[in-house]
Amino acid sequence: MESRYHHLRDESSSEHDESISEIAESNFELGKSSSDLVEKLELDKSSSELMESRSELAKNNFELGESSYKLVKSNSEFASNKL
């Protein structure tokens, strides 16, 4: 009877160890997936910030072009009036 008890206890302990091992492996995979997701979100955030910067740069370039056009037009009118 005692031998059967030890056998069942050993079997239960082995199953318990396997369960712990499976949980540890699942937690590792979950942690890895979470890490990959965080990395992707950081890249998405960086990409979004880059797009915002490009948009701001395009706006500034447009305003610079508009100011340059007005300056050339003003210089042209000034030159015409001097002649």
PDB file of N, CA and C in Angstrom:
ATOM      1  N   MET A   1       0.828  -1.188   0.000  1.00  0.00           N
ATOM      2  CA  MET A   1       0.000   0.000   0.000  1.00  0.00           C
ATOM      3  C   MET A   1       0.872   1.252   0.000  1.00  0.00           C
ATOM      4  N   GLU A   2       1.895   1.228   0.884  1.00  0.00           N
ATOM      5  CA  GLU A   2       2.778   2.384   0.956  1.00  0.00           C
ATOM      6  C   GLU A   2       3.542   2.566  -0.353  1.00  0.00           C
ATOM      7  N   SER A   3       3.916   1.467  -0.967  1.00  0.00           N
ATOM      8  CA  SER A   3       4.642   1.528  -2.233  1.00  0.00           C
ATOM      9  C   SER A   3       3.753   2.167  -3.299  1.00  0.00           C
ATOM     10  N   ARG A   4       2.488   1.787  -3.294  1.00  0.00           N
ATOM     11  CA  ARG A   4       1.542   2.377  -4.245  1.00  0.00           C
ATOM     12  C   ARG A   4       1.391   3.879  -3.986  1.00  0.00           C
ATOM     13  N   TYR A   5       1.365   4.267  -2.716  1.00  0.00           N
ATOM     14  CA  TYR A   5       1.261   5.684  -2.346  1.00  0.00           C
ATOM     15  C   TYR A   5       2.467   6.465  -2.893  1.00  0.00           C
ATOM     16  N   HIS A   6       3.684   5.918  -2.708  1.00  0.00           N
ATOM     17  CA  HIS A   6       4.893   6.581  -3.210  1.00  0.00           C
ATOM     18  C   HIS A   6       4.864   6.676  -4.732  1.00  0.00           C
ATOM     19  N   HIS A   7       4.393   5.592  -5.359  1.00  0.00           N
ATOM     20  CA  HIS A   7       4.307   5.595  -6.819  1.00  0.00           C
ATOM     21  C   HIS A   7       3.347   6.691  -7.293  1.00  0.00           C
ATOM     22  N   LEU A   8       2.166   6.781  -6.662  1.00  0.00           N
ATOM     23  CA  LEU A   8       1.194   7.801  -7.034  1.00  0.00           C
ATOM     24  C   LEU A   8       1.730   9.208  -6.744  1.00  0.00           C
ATOM     25  N   ARG A   9       2.424   9.341  -5.602  1.00  0.00           N
ATOM     26  CA  ARG A   9       2.996  10.637  -5.236  1.00  0.00           C
ATOM     27  C   ARG A   9       4.076  11.035  -6.244  1.00  0.00           C
ATOM     28  N   ASP A  10       4.918  10.094  -6.624  1.00  0.00           N
ATOM     29  CA  ASP A  10       5.967  10.370  -7.608  1.00  0.00           C
ATOM     30  C   ASP A  10       5.358  10.740  -8.961  1.00  0.00           C
ATOM     31  N   GLU A  11       4.302  10.014  -9.330  1.00  0.00           N
ATOM     32  CA  GLU A  11       3.621  10.292 -10.598  1.00  0.00           C
ATOM     33  C   GLU A  11       2.981  11.674 -10.550  1.00  0.00           C
ATOM     34  N   SER A  12       2.343  12.001  -9.460  1.00  0.00           N
ATOM     35  CA  SER A  12       1.713  13.310  -9.296  1.00  0.00           C
ATOM     36  C   SER A  12       2.764  14.416  -9.311  1.00  0.00           C
ATOM     37  N   SER A  13       3.878  14.187  -8.658  1.00  0.00           N
ATOM     38  CA  SER A  13       4.966  15.161  -8.623  1.00  0.00           C
ATOM     39  C   SER A  13       5.524  15.378 -10.024  1.00  0.00           C
ATOM     40  N   SER A  14       5.651  14.303 -10.783  1.00  0.00           N
ATOM     41  CA  SER A  14       6.160  14.393 -12.145  1.00  0.00           C
ATOM     42  C   SER A  14       5.193  15.205 -13.023  1.00  0.00           C
ATOM     43  N   GLU A  15       3.898  14.931 -12.890  1.00  0.00           N
ATOM     44  CA  GLU A  15       2.897  15.679 -13.644  1.00  0.00           C
ATOM     45  C   GLU A  15       2.918  17.153 -13.245  1.00  0.00           C
ATOM     46  N   HIS A  16       3.092  17.384 -11.956  1.00  0.00           N
ATOM     47  CA  HIS A  16       3.164  18.755 -11.450  1.00  0.00           C
ATOM     48  C   HIS A  16       4.370  19.476 -12.047  1.00  0.00           C
ATOM     49  N   ASP A  17       5.519  18.798 -12.092  1.00  0.00           N
ATOM     50  CA  ASP A  17       6.730  19.373 -12.680  1.00  0.00           C
ATOM     51  C   ASP A  17       6.526  19.684 -14.160  1.00  0.00           C
ATOM     52  N   GLU A  18       5.862  18.766 -14.868  1.00  0.00           N
ATOM     53  CA  GLU A  18       5.569  18.991 -16.282  1.00  0.00           C
ATOM     54  C   GLU A  18       4.664  20.213 -16.453  1.00  0.00           C
ATOM     55  N   SER A  19       3.648  20.336 -15.599  1.00  0.00           N
ATOM     56  CA  SER A  19       2.743  21.480 -15.664  1.00  0.00           C
ATOM     57  C   SER A  19       3.497  22.784 -15.426  1.00  0.00           C
ATOM     58  N   ILE A  20       4.381  22.779 -14.439  1.00  0.00           N
ATOM     59  CA  ILE A  20       5.179  23.975 -14.145  1.00  0.00           C
ATOM     60  C   ILE A  20       6.068  24.314 -15.334  1.00  0.00           C
ATOM     61  N   SER A  21       6.643  23.289 -15.929  1.00  0.00           N
ATOM     62  CA  SER A  21       7.503  23.488 -17.094  1.00  0.00           C
ATOM     63  C   SER A  21       6.704  24.078 -18.260  1.00  0.00           C
ATOM     64  N   GLU A  22       5.502  23.556 -18.496  1.00  0.00           N
ATOM     65  CA  GLU A  22       4.650  24.065 -19.570  1.00  0.00           C
ATOM     66  C   GLU A  22       4.237  25.507 -19.297  1.00  0.00           C
ATOM     67  N   ILE A  23       3.914  25.810 -18.045  1.00  0.00           N
ATOM     68  CA  ILE A  23       3.534  27.186 -17.679  1.00  0.00           C
ATOM     69  C   ILE A  23       4.719  28.119 -17.886  1.00  0.00           C
ATOM     70  N   ALA A  24       5.896  27.687 -17.466  1.00  0.00           N
ATOM     71  CA  ALA A  24       7.105  28.502 -17.632  1.00  0.00           C
ATOM     72  C   ALA A  24       7.363  28.766 -19.112  1.00  0.00           C
ATOM     73  N   GLU A  25       7.204  27.737 -19.935  1.00  0.00           N
ATOM     74  CA  GLU A  25       7.413  27.891 -21.373  1.00  0.00           C
ATOM     75  C   GLU A  25       6.376  28.849 -21.972  1.00  0.00           C
ATOM     76  N   SER A  26       5.124  28.717 -21.549  1.00  0.00           N
ATOM     77  CA  SER A  26       4.069  29.619 -22.029  1.00  0.00           C
ATOM     78  C   SER A  26       4.348  31.053 -21.600  1.00  0.00           C
ATOM     79  N   ASN A  27       4.788  31.225 -20.355  1.00  0.00           N
ATOM     80  CA  ASN A  27       5.114  32.569 -19.867  1.00  0.00           C
ATOM     81  C   ASN A  27       6.272  33.171 -20.649  1.00  0.00           C
ATOM     82  N   PHE A  28       7.261  32.335 -20.983  1.00  0.00           N
ATOM     83  CA  PHE A  28       8.390  32.814 -21.776  1.00  0.00           C
ATOM     84  C   PHE A  28       7.907  33.285 -23.145  1.00  0.00           C
ATOM     85  N   GLU A  29       7.071  32.477 -23.800  1.00  0.00           N
ATOM     86  CA  GLU A  29       6.546  32.839 -25.117  1.00  0.00           C
ATOM     87  C   GLU A  29       5.691  34.108 -25.030  1.00  0.00           C
ATOM     88  N   LEU A  30       4.891  34.210 -23.978  1.00  0.00           N
ATOM     89  CA  LEU A  30       4.067  35.404 -23.783  1.00  0.00           C
ATOM     90  C   LEU A  30       4.945  36.629 -23.579  1.00  0.00           C
ATOM     91  N   GLY A  31       5.996  36.482 -22.780  1.00  0.00           N
ATOM     92  CA  GLY A  31       6.936  37.580 -22.559  1.00  0.00           C
ATOM     93  C   GLY A  31       7.630  37.992 -23.844  1.00  0.00           C
ATOM     94  N   LYS A  32       8.004  37.005 -24.640  1.00  0.00           N
ATOM     95  CA  LYS A  32       8.654  37.282 -25.926  1.00  0.00           C
ATOM     96  C   LYS A  32       7.684  38.011 -26.859  1.00  0.00           C
ATOM     97  N   SER A  33       6.437  37.546 -26.915  1.00  0.00           N
ATOM     98  CA  SER A  33       5.426  38.198 -27.743  1.00  0.00           C
ATOM     99  C   SER A  33       5.174  39.628 -27.271  1.00  0.00           C
ATOM    100  N   SER A  34       5.108  39.803 -25.957  1.00  0.00           N
ATOM    101  CA  SER A  34       4.901  41.142 -25.399  1.00  0.00           C
ATOM    102  C   SER A  34       6.059  42.058 -25.759  1.00  0.00           C
ATOM    103  N   SER A  35       7.263  41.544 -25.673  1.00  0.00           N
ATOM    104  CA  SER A  35       8.456  42.315 -26.017  1.00  0.00           C
ATOM    105  C   SER A  35       8.425  42.717 -27.491  1.00  0.00           C
ATOM    106  N   ASP A  36       8.057  41.768 -28.351  1.00  0.00           N
ATOM    107  CA  ASP A  36       7.943  42.059 -29.784  1.00  0.00           C
ATOM    108  C   ASP A  36       6.880  43.116 -30.043  1.00  0.00           C
ATOM    109  N   LEU A  37       5.770  43.024 -29.325  1.00  0.00           N
ATOM    110  CA  LEU A  37       4.689  43.990 -29.490  1.00  0.00           C
ATOM    111  C   LEU A  37       5.128  45.383 -29.044  1.00  0.00           C
ATOM    112  N   VAL A  38       5.806  45.460 -27.907  1.00  0.00           N
ATOM    113  CA  VAL A  38       6.304  46.749 -27.418  1.00  0.00           C
ATOM    114  C   VAL A  38       7.272  47.351 -28.437  1.00  0.00           C
ATOM    115  N   GLU A  39       8.148  46.509 -28.987  1.00  0.00           N
ATOM    116  CA  GLU A  39       9.101  46.988 -29.989  1.00  0.00           C
ATOM    117  C   GLU A  39       8.368  47.516 -31.219  1.00  0.00           C
ATOM    118  N   LYS A  40       7.335  46.795 -31.653  1.00  0.00           N
ATOM    119  CA  LYS A  40       6.559  47.233 -32.819  1.00  0.00           C
ATOM    120  C   LYS A  40       5.844  48.544 -32.521  1.00  0.00           C
ATOM    121  N   LEU A  41       5.274  48.659 -31.326  1.00  0.00           N
ATOM    122  CA  LEU A  41       4.589  49.896 -30.965  1.00  0.00           C
ATOM    123  C   LEU A  41       5.555  51.072 -30.926  1.00  0.00           C
ATOM    124  N   GLU A  42       6.773  50.819 -30.430  1.00  0.00           N
ATOM    125  CA  GLU A  42       7.778  51.876 -30.415  1.00  0.00           C
ATOM    126  C   GLU A  42       8.141  52.284 -31.836  1.00  0.00           C
ATOM    127  N   LEU A  43       8.249  51.302 -32.738  1.00  0.00           N
ATOM    128  CA  LEU A  43       8.536  51.612 -34.137  1.00  0.00           C
ATOM    129  C   LEU A  43       7.380  52.377 -34.768  1.00  0.00           C
ATOM    130  N   ASP A  44       6.144  51.958 -34.464  1.00  0.00           N
ATOM    131  CA  ASP A  44       4.975  52.654 -34.976  1.00  0.00           C
ATOM    132  C   ASP A  44       4.945  54.092 -34.477  1.00  0.00           C
ATOM    133  N   LYS A  45       5.286  54.282 -33.196  1.00  0.00           N
ATOM    134  CA  LYS A  45       5.317  55.621 -32.613  1.00  0.00           C
ATOM    135  C   LYS A  45       6.391  56.464 -33.299  1.00  0.00           C
ATOM    136  N   SER A  46       7.570  55.877 -33.497  1.00  0.00           N
ATOM    137  CA  SER A  46       8.658  56.584 -34.175  1.00  0.00           C
ATOM    138  C   SER A  46       8.255  56.943 -35.600  1.00  0.00           C
ATOM    139  N   SER A  47       7.602  56.010 -36.269  1.00  0.00           N
ATOM    140  CA  SER A  47       7.146  56.248 -37.634  1.00  0.00           C
ATOM    141  C   SER A  47       6.121  57.377 -37.662  1.00  0.00           C
ATOM    142  N   SER A  48       5.221  57.371 -36.714  1.00  0.00           N
ATOM    143  CA  SER A  48       4.208  58.422 -36.626  1.00  0.00           C
ATOM    144  C   SER A  48       4.855  59.780 -36.361  1.00  0.00           C
ATOM    145  N   GLU A  49       5.834  59.791 -35.454  1.00  0.00           N
ATOM    146  CA  GLU A  49       6.541  61.042 -35.160  1.00  0.00           C
ATOM    147  C   GLU A  49       7.310  61.525 -36.383  1.00  0.00           C
ATOM    148  N   LEU A  50       7.890  60.590 -37.138  1.00  0.00           N
ATOM    149  CA  LEU A  50       8.604  60.943 -38.356  1.00  0.00           C
ATOM    150  C   LEU A  50       7.646  61.549 -39.380  1.00  0.00           C
ATOM    151  N   MET A  51       6.468  60.949 -39.512  1.00  0.00           N
ATOM    152  CA  MET A  51       5.477  61.495 -40.454  1.00  0.00           C
ATOM    153  C   MET A  51       5.039  62.896 -40.037  1.00  0.00           C
ATOM    154  N   GLU A  52       4.867  63.114 -38.728  1.00  0.00           N
ATOM    155  CA  GLU A  52       4.507  64.445 -38.246  1.00  0.00           C
ATOM    156  C   GLU A  52       5.613  65.443 -38.563  1.00  0.00           C
ATOM    157  N   SER A  53       6.864  65.026 -38.366  1.00  0.00           N
ATOM    158  CA  SER A  53       8.004  65.901 -38.663  1.00  0.00           C
ATOM    159  C   SER A  53       8.050  66.233 -40.152  1.00  0.00           C
ATOM    160  N   ARG A  54       7.816  65.218 -40.985  1.00  0.00           N
ATOM    161  CA  ARG A  54       7.811  65.452 -42.437  1.00  0.00           C
ATOM    162  C   ARG A  54       6.685  66.394 -42.833  1.00  0.00           C
ATOM    163  N   SER A  55       5.544  66.235 -42.214  1.00  0.00           N
ATOM    164  CA  SER A  55       4.410  67.107 -42.499  1.00  0.00           C
ATOM    165  C   SER A  55       4.735  68.548 -42.107  1.00  0.00           C
ATOM    166  N   GLU A  56       5.342  68.717 -40.948  1.00  0.00           N
ATOM    167  CA  GLU A  56       5.730  70.046 -40.478  1.00  0.00           C
ATOM    168  C   GLU A  56       6.782  70.649 -41.410  1.00  0.00           C
ATOM    169  N   LEU A  57       7.735  69.831 -41.855  1.00  0.00           N
ATOM    170  CA  LEU A  57       8.762  70.292 -42.782  1.00  0.00           C
ATOM    171  C   LEU A  57       8.142  70.717 -44.112  1.00  0.00           C
ATOM    172  N   ALA A  58       7.202  69.939 -44.604  1.00  0.00           N
ATOM    173  CA  ALA A  58       6.523  70.284 -45.858  1.00  0.00           C
ATOM    174  C   ALA A  58       5.777  71.612 -45.711  1.00  0.00           C
ATOM    175  N   LYS A  59       5.125  71.790 -44.587  1.00  0.00           N
ATOM    176  CA  LYS A  59       4.404  73.045 -44.324  1.00  0.00           C
ATOM    177  C   LYS A  59       5.388  74.215 -44.294  1.00  0.00           C
ATOM    178  N   ASN A  60       6.512  74.019 -43.597  1.00  0.00           N
ATOM    179  CA  ASN A  60       7.521  75.086 -43.523  1.00  0.00           C
ATOM    180  C   ASN A  60       8.106  75.393 -44.895  1.00  0.00           C
ATOM    181  N   ASN A  61       8.356  74.345 -45.688  1.00  0.00           N
ATOM    182  CA  ASN A  61       8.880  74.550 -47.041  1.00  0.00           C
ATOM    183  C   ASN A  61       7.885  75.311 -47.909  1.00  0.00           C
ATOM    184  N   PHE A  62       6.609  74.997 -47.765  1.00  0.00           N
ATOM    185  CA  PHE A  62       5.585  75.705 -48.517  1.00  0.00           C
ATOM    186  C   PHE A  62       5.567  77.183 -48.133  1.00  0.00           C
ATOM    187  N   GLU A  63       5.608  77.449 -46.813  1.00  0.00           N
ATOM    188  CA  GLU A  63       5.606  78.837 -46.343  1.00  0.00           C
ATOM    189  C   GLU A  63       6.856  79.577 -46.807  1.00  0.00           C
ATOM    190  N   LEU A  64       8.000  78.903 -46.827  1.00  0.00           N
ATOM    191  CA  LEU A  64       9.238  79.506 -47.313  1.00  0.00           C
ATOM    192  C   LEU A  64       9.122  79.827 -48.802  1.00  0.00           C
ATOM    193  N   GLY A  65       8.569  78.892 -49.566  1.00  0.00           N
ATOM    194  CA  GLY A  65       8.359  79.111 -51.000  1.00  0.00           C
ATOM    195  C   GLY A  65       7.412  80.275 -51.237  1.00  0.00           C
ATOM    196  N   GLU A  66       6.360  80.339 -50.452  1.00  0.00           N
ATOM    197  CA  GLU A  66       5.390  81.434 -50.582  1.00  0.00           C
ATOM    198  C   GLU A  66       6.053  82.779 -50.265  1.00  0.00           C
ATOM    199  N   SER A  67       6.862  82.811 -49.210  1.00  0.00           N
ATOM    200  CA  SER A  67       7.576  84.045 -48.847  1.00  0.00           C
ATOM    201  C   SER A  67       8.583  84.428 -49.920  1.00  0.00           C
ATOM    202  N   SER A  68       9.276  83.441 -50.465  1.00  0.00           N
ATOM    203  CA  SER A  68      10.243  83.707 -51.541  1.00  0.00           C
ATOM    204  C   SER A  68       9.537  84.283 -52.758  1.00  0.00           C
ATOM    205  N   TYR A  69       8.390  83.719 -53.105  1.00  0.00           N
ATOM    206  CA  TYR A  69       7.611  84.208 -54.238  1.00  0.00           C
ATOM    207  C   TYR A  69       7.199  85.669 -54.012  1.00  0.00           C
ATOM    208  N   LYS A  70       6.719  85.976 -52.825  1.00  0.00           N
ATOM    209  CA  LYS A  70       6.306  87.340 -52.507  1.00  0.00           C
ATOM    210  C   LYS A  70       7.495  88.294 -52.572  1.00  0.00           C
ATOM    211  N   LEU A  71       8.666  87.846 -52.116  1.00  0.00           N
ATOM    212  CA  LEU A  71       9.864  88.673 -52.156  1.00  0.00           C
ATOM    213  C   LEU A  71      10.290  88.941 -53.593  1.00  0.00           C
ATOM    214  N   VAL A  72      10.281  87.913 -54.424  1.00  0.00           N
ATOM    215  CA  VAL A  72      10.648  88.084 -55.838  1.00  0.00           C
ATOM    216  C   VAL A  72       9.652  89.015 -56.517  1.00  0.00           C
ATOM    217  N   LYS A  73       8.384  88.833 -56.244  1.00  0.00           N
ATOM    218  CA  LYS A  73       7.342  89.681 -56.842  1.00  0.00           C
ATOM    219  C   LYS A  73       7.537  91.135 -56.402  1.00  0.00           C
ATOM    220  N   SER A  74       7.809  91.330 -55.115  1.00  0.00           N
ATOM    221  CA  SER A  74       8.023  92.664 -54.578  1.00  0.00           C
ATOM    222  C   SER A  74       9.266  93.301 -55.206  1.00  0.00           C
ATOM    223  N   ASN A  75      10.351  92.520 -55.332  1.00  0.00           N
ATOM    224  CA  ASN A  75      11.571  93.037 -55.953  1.00  0.00           C
ATOM    225  C   ASN A  75      11.326  93.397 -57.412  1.00  0.00           C
ATOM    226  N   SER A  76      10.546  92.581 -58.096  1.00  0.00           N
ATOM    227  CA  SER A  76      10.223  92.835 -59.495  1.00  0.00           C
ATOM    228  C   SER A  76       9.425  94.125 -59.636  1.00  0.00           C
ATOM    229  N   GLU A  77       8.444  94.330 -58.765  1.00  0.00           N
ATOM    230  CA  GLU A  77       7.634  95.549 -58.793  1.00  0.00           C
ATOM    231  C   GLU A  77       8.489  96.776 -58.461  1.00  0.00           C
ATOM    232  N   PHE A  78       9.384  96.611 -57.514  1.00  0.00           N
ATOM    233  CA  PHE A  78      10.272  97.702 -57.138  1.00  0.00           C
ATOM    234  C   PHE A  78      11.172  98.077 -58.316  1.00  0.00           C
ATOM    235  N   ALA A  79      11.723  97.046 -58.976  1.00  0.00           N
ATOM    236  CA  ALA A  79      12.596  97.292 -60.125  1.00  0.00           C
ATOM    237  C   ALA A  79      11.820  97.953 -61.253  1.00  0.00           C
ATOM    238  N   SER A  80      10.580  97.549 -61.476  1.00  0.00           N
ATOM    239  CA  SER A  80       9.754  98.140 -62.529  1.00  0.00           C
ATOM    240  C   SER A  80       9.468  99.610 -62.228  1.00  0.00           C
ATOM    241  N   ASN A  81       9.221  99.928 -60.980  1.00  0.00           N
ATOM    242  CA  ASN A  81       8.928 101.308 -60.594  1.00  0.00           C
ATOM    243  C   ASN A  81      10.167 102.190 -60.693  1.00  0.00           C
ATOM    244  N   LYS A  82      11.338 101.638 -60.533  1.00  0.00           N
ATOM    245  CA  LYS A  82      12.589 102.408 -60.623  1.00  0.00           C
ATOM    246  C   LYS A  82      12.919 102.746 -62.057  1.00  0.00           C
ATOM    247  N   LEU A  83      12.458 101.910 -62.982  1.00  0.00           N
ATOM    248  CA  LEU A  83      12.775 102.143 -64.385  1.00  0.00           C
ATOM    249  C   LEU A  83      11.893 103.212 -64.872  1.00  0.00           C
TER     250      LEU A  83
END
